[in-house]
Amino acid sequence: MVVKSIGRAAFDAVYESNADVVYRTALYYSGNHHAAEEITQTVFLKLYINMEHVNMKVVRSWLITTAKYAALNYNRDSLREIPTEETVVKKEYVESLEDGYIKKLREKEYQELAGNIFAELYRVNERWYDAVTITYFLEKPQKEVAEIMGISLEVLHGILYRAKQWIRKNYAEEFAYLNDA
């Protein structure tokens, strides 16, 4: 049943009984307290403007659904925002030159280790090399990799498993050394 006019008292009663659930729904889907407050306000404004078109028997469902989609739209739109100088928070911690240098050295050592692993993997077994490279570096789905290599998906899983075991067996010490350094 659609009610033509519910009046201010009825609107206030709907607000009082549903404001908390609308806020919690908006907070759940947006993950942001301030956005949830704004979404709650917007949802009730929409209700007030469109209350003659809303079935008051299912107003709670309408409010929750509207809050959910408003929060999802907020998340989608916030990803498209371009931060300006005013909105960018300055970094509190400034990395020292020594820390930056050590970080770059460690990254270089990891790259060298990865290069050594892949060179040796290619020398030991080209199929392992192909499977690992296509799956993990080209980020192709395993089903597609199996088709490219002309093997079944189960065989690909076996190849990847054996390649990982070989890498762990032969390079665990070097990797542990880099992590401890």
Foldseek 3Di string as FASTA:
>chain_A
DFAQDDDDVSLVVCCVVQLVVLLVLLCVLQVDNVRSVVLSVVLSVVCVVCRRVDDPVCVNVVSSVSSNVSSVVVNVVVVVDDDDPVRDDDDPDDDDPVNVVVVVVLVVLVVVLVVVLLVVLCVVDVVLSQLCCCCPVVVDPLCVSCVVVVHHSVVSVVSPVVSVVVCCVPCVVVVVVSVVD
